[in-house]
Structures are given as structure tokens and as C-alpha cells.
Amino acid sequence: MAKTIRVWRSLMFRLQTEEDAQAPSQRAEFLLSYIIAAVMTIIAITTKSFWGDEILSIQFASQSISSLFESLSRDYHPPFYFLLLKAWISAFGTSEIGLRVFQGIQGGTLLFLTFLLCKKFIPHSSYKLFWLLVLFSSELWLFMPMLRYYALAAIIVIFSTLSFEKWVKQQDIRTSGLLLLSYVLVVYTDYPSSIVIVFHLLYVTITHRSLILKLLLVDIVTAVAFLPWLIITLSQIEHLTSTTQIADLNASPKALLLKTTYCLYAFVFGETVFPFEIPLILAGVCIATVLLLSIKGNDWKIIAHNYYAPGLLILGILFTSIITTFISKHTSFIYTPSRTLFALPFIIIFFGIFLIKAKPILKYGFVFIYLMINVYGLANWANNRHFLMPVYATPWKEVISDLQGEQGIILVDESLCYEYYQLQIDEDVPELVKPASRDELQHIIAAKQQSSPSFFLFLILIGRESTEPEVP
């Protein structure tokens, strides 16, 4: 494990140009990134329970390779994350602590890469200040510990951005290889995040036209590398487009505006701060005021030159929104931020560039306000308060603990979570039933009444989405 960490750290340091490599100072940021990720992991272990999609990750990764690919063909994800998780489970098992550590390692990597990203795009005097906003982003803390591909996809997109920045300056074998590696990894990790490949092509078309053919060659090799998975991707698209389930507010192109707005709101304020709370309203007014006051005297040439961050941010959100509106139609707008997590650091970078010439009182005022609203969101996250998505905060460990020793049957709409934690504690709890219809449930109850006239029927409804089947 220690050798793996050293190799990974060495690879990340190589993403810097030779002239700005300052390994001693960056080792401190490297260490800080993993310390914060460790704190995040400990809080997740002590206050959070896995929700349904996280249990699905475990189930997928626990299968054989052939069964995993068959399951993914009916889902809508590429295999790379699940193969990594499968390797981890093979080595360390499926205990919650071990799986949280798996995510914590990714969290630390993501935080350090955002440091390199901020250093690359934000002027030297301010990049650490805005990296601080990334470190305490409540939205990042919400999704980094989740046993999903969100953090890994963000890692690869940032890795691709840093590789691309080096490749634009020098197209040698090493930089081309790193860029190609990032492209192959991203298409095998997350489809929406693959928009970074298209964005890079648009970027060189506008700014470095002489590099178009060279980048197209990298893209072609990436496409060839993706061919083995193409048939499964087509099967996934066919499966998704044939479904009759359509999430609420997802039935028209207006959903694109809703998803974009919601994603920007989540990236700035966090999903654990309700939209109409007084703290959010005050923070929103203050941030808007600071940005308006910063317009005067701004260096628009610098802002116009640094359009990579806002460009990838907007294109990434739009691409995810298009996929979940017209292909994966059962996906609610509330999932947009998690599936576009890679874009979150770029909105903070945009703020850093926008405030480049702002007066110190405005710059530091913005940082203070942003930190305060996100620290408030972190407190809500740690205490399972104010979750717009209730399944993210359902305390399944406590539920199972409270049901120990109880007799009867239980009906749960997030049955995967109940089954996982039931196996973890290995204690007597109410028997889980999964009736396919009202008649089947009545038959189960009648059979129980014959054997035991007095028994308990427990019912737990989380209400994940309106597109879920009705409980009988």
C-alpha cells in the first residue's frame, strides 16, 4: 500500500511543469489533503449509512467479471470504477469501514489534484485562498465518501485537464501518453465526464489550431480503445430509451434549465442548505453584491483568456443534463450535481479568476462568506439535517439497531440497505418481505396470522423518487 501511494504521488507531481515544481511545499498540501479526507471518512463512518445506489455498487463489484458486465449492460455505467471496487473487495471484504476507506483514498487524491488545478489556473497570490474553498466545500464532502464513481470521475477529469495543459505546451511521448491515458480512463469511468474530450477539441480549435490533427489522433486512439465496450454501451442506451419511467420535472427541454440552475446552486451553497433558508438568502445577497462590486476595474482580458474553467463547467452541466433528460429519463434533476461533480472545482476557479483584480476587502469578503455558508452546510451534513435527497441521510445502522430483538415482518422501499446492514450485525430483526403485489402481501400476512395470531408489521418508506413503483 505504501509503495502504491508513493507511485501515485510521484505521478501527480509529474503533472506540473518543471519550472513551477516545488515538491517540499506541495508535500504539505498533499498531506493536508489526505488528513481532511481522513476526517471526512471518519465522520462518514460514524454518522452515515449506505444508501441504495451504494449497495448496488457493492453488489455489482461482488460478482464475477462476466456477471458484472451483464449487470452493467442493463444499467448505465462503464466498468472501471466497479473493477477497482471489485479488486478492493477481494482484498479487504465488504465491511463498511473498509469501503469508506476506499472512498477516502479517492477523496484525498481529489483534494490534492484540485490544489494543482488551482495553482495552474489562479494567480500565484490567490490560489491557496481559493483552494481553501474547495477543501471545505459541503457539496464535495457530501459526495466524496459515497461508494459511487463520482469522486473517481472528478479525479480523472482534473488529471485530464492537467495533462492537457502540459500537452498543449509540449507534445512529446510522455505528455501524449498521459493525455491518452486520461481519455481512456474517463470513457471507461463515466459517460457524462467524457465531455472533457470534446471540450479539449473545441479549445484547441479556438486557441491552438495547429494542434487539431495531433489531438484528433489521440481521440481516434481513445475511440479504438473504447471499441470493446461499445456494444454494451449501445445495449445500455437501448435499455434506457425504452423505459417508460420519467422522473418528475423531466418531461420537457425545460428540465435542462432546472438542472443547470440546481447544479450551480448546489456547487456554490451545497445541497444541505435549503434554498429558502435565511443563511442562504443572506449569503446569496452578499456574494452577488461582492461580484457586482468587483466588476469595476476588472481585467476582462485576463478573464476572457481564462475561459477553460467556465467553459468546461457550463458544457459539463449541460451535457449531463441532456443525457439525463433525453436518454436516462428516469433520472431526477436532483442527481445532476453528483453526476457532474468534476465541474465543481472549476466554478471556484472561475471565482478566483473573476476576483483577480478585486480589492482585498472584496476578495477576502467573498472567501469568508463562501466558507461560512459551506461550513453551515457541513454541519448539516454531519448531523444529517436539511437533505433535499432523504436517502442520503437515512440512518440505516440506527434503524437496524432499534429493531434488534423485534419479531414480525418488515416492508421497506430501500430493501437493499436493510439487507446489507442486517447481514453486518447478524442479529435477529424483523423478516424482510418483498411482495410484488397487494395480493401477495395479503397472502404473506394471512400466512403469518395462521402461525402467530399476534405479530408486528413494520413499514419504512423513504420516498426516494416519485418514479419508484408504488408500495402495495
Foldseek 3Di string as FASTA:
>chain_A
DVVVVVVVVVVLLVLDDPVPRDPVVLVVVLVVLLVLLVVLLVLCVVFFFAFQVLLVLVVLLCDDPVVNLVVCLLPAWFCPLSPVVNVQCVVPNDDLSSLLVVLSVLRSLLLSLLLVVLCVQFDPVCSVLLSVLVSLFLQSSLQSSHNALLSVLLSLLSQLVSLLVVCVVPVDPVSLVSNLVSLLVNVRGADLSNCSLVLSLVVCVPPPVVCNVVSVVSVVVSVVSCVVCVVSNVSNQVSQQPDPAAFPPQADPVQLVVLLVVLVCCLQQNQLDDPPDPLNVVLVVLLVVLLVQLVPPWDVVQLVVSCSLVVCLVSSLNSLSCCCRRGNRNDDSVCSNSSSVSNSSSVSSSVSNSNNPPDPVSVVSNSVSSSVSSVVSNVCVSNVHRHPQNSSRDPLLVVQVVQFPAEEEEEEPRVSSNVVNCVVVVGDGYHYDDDPDPVRVVVVVVVVCVVPVDHDYHYDYRCRGPSRDDDD
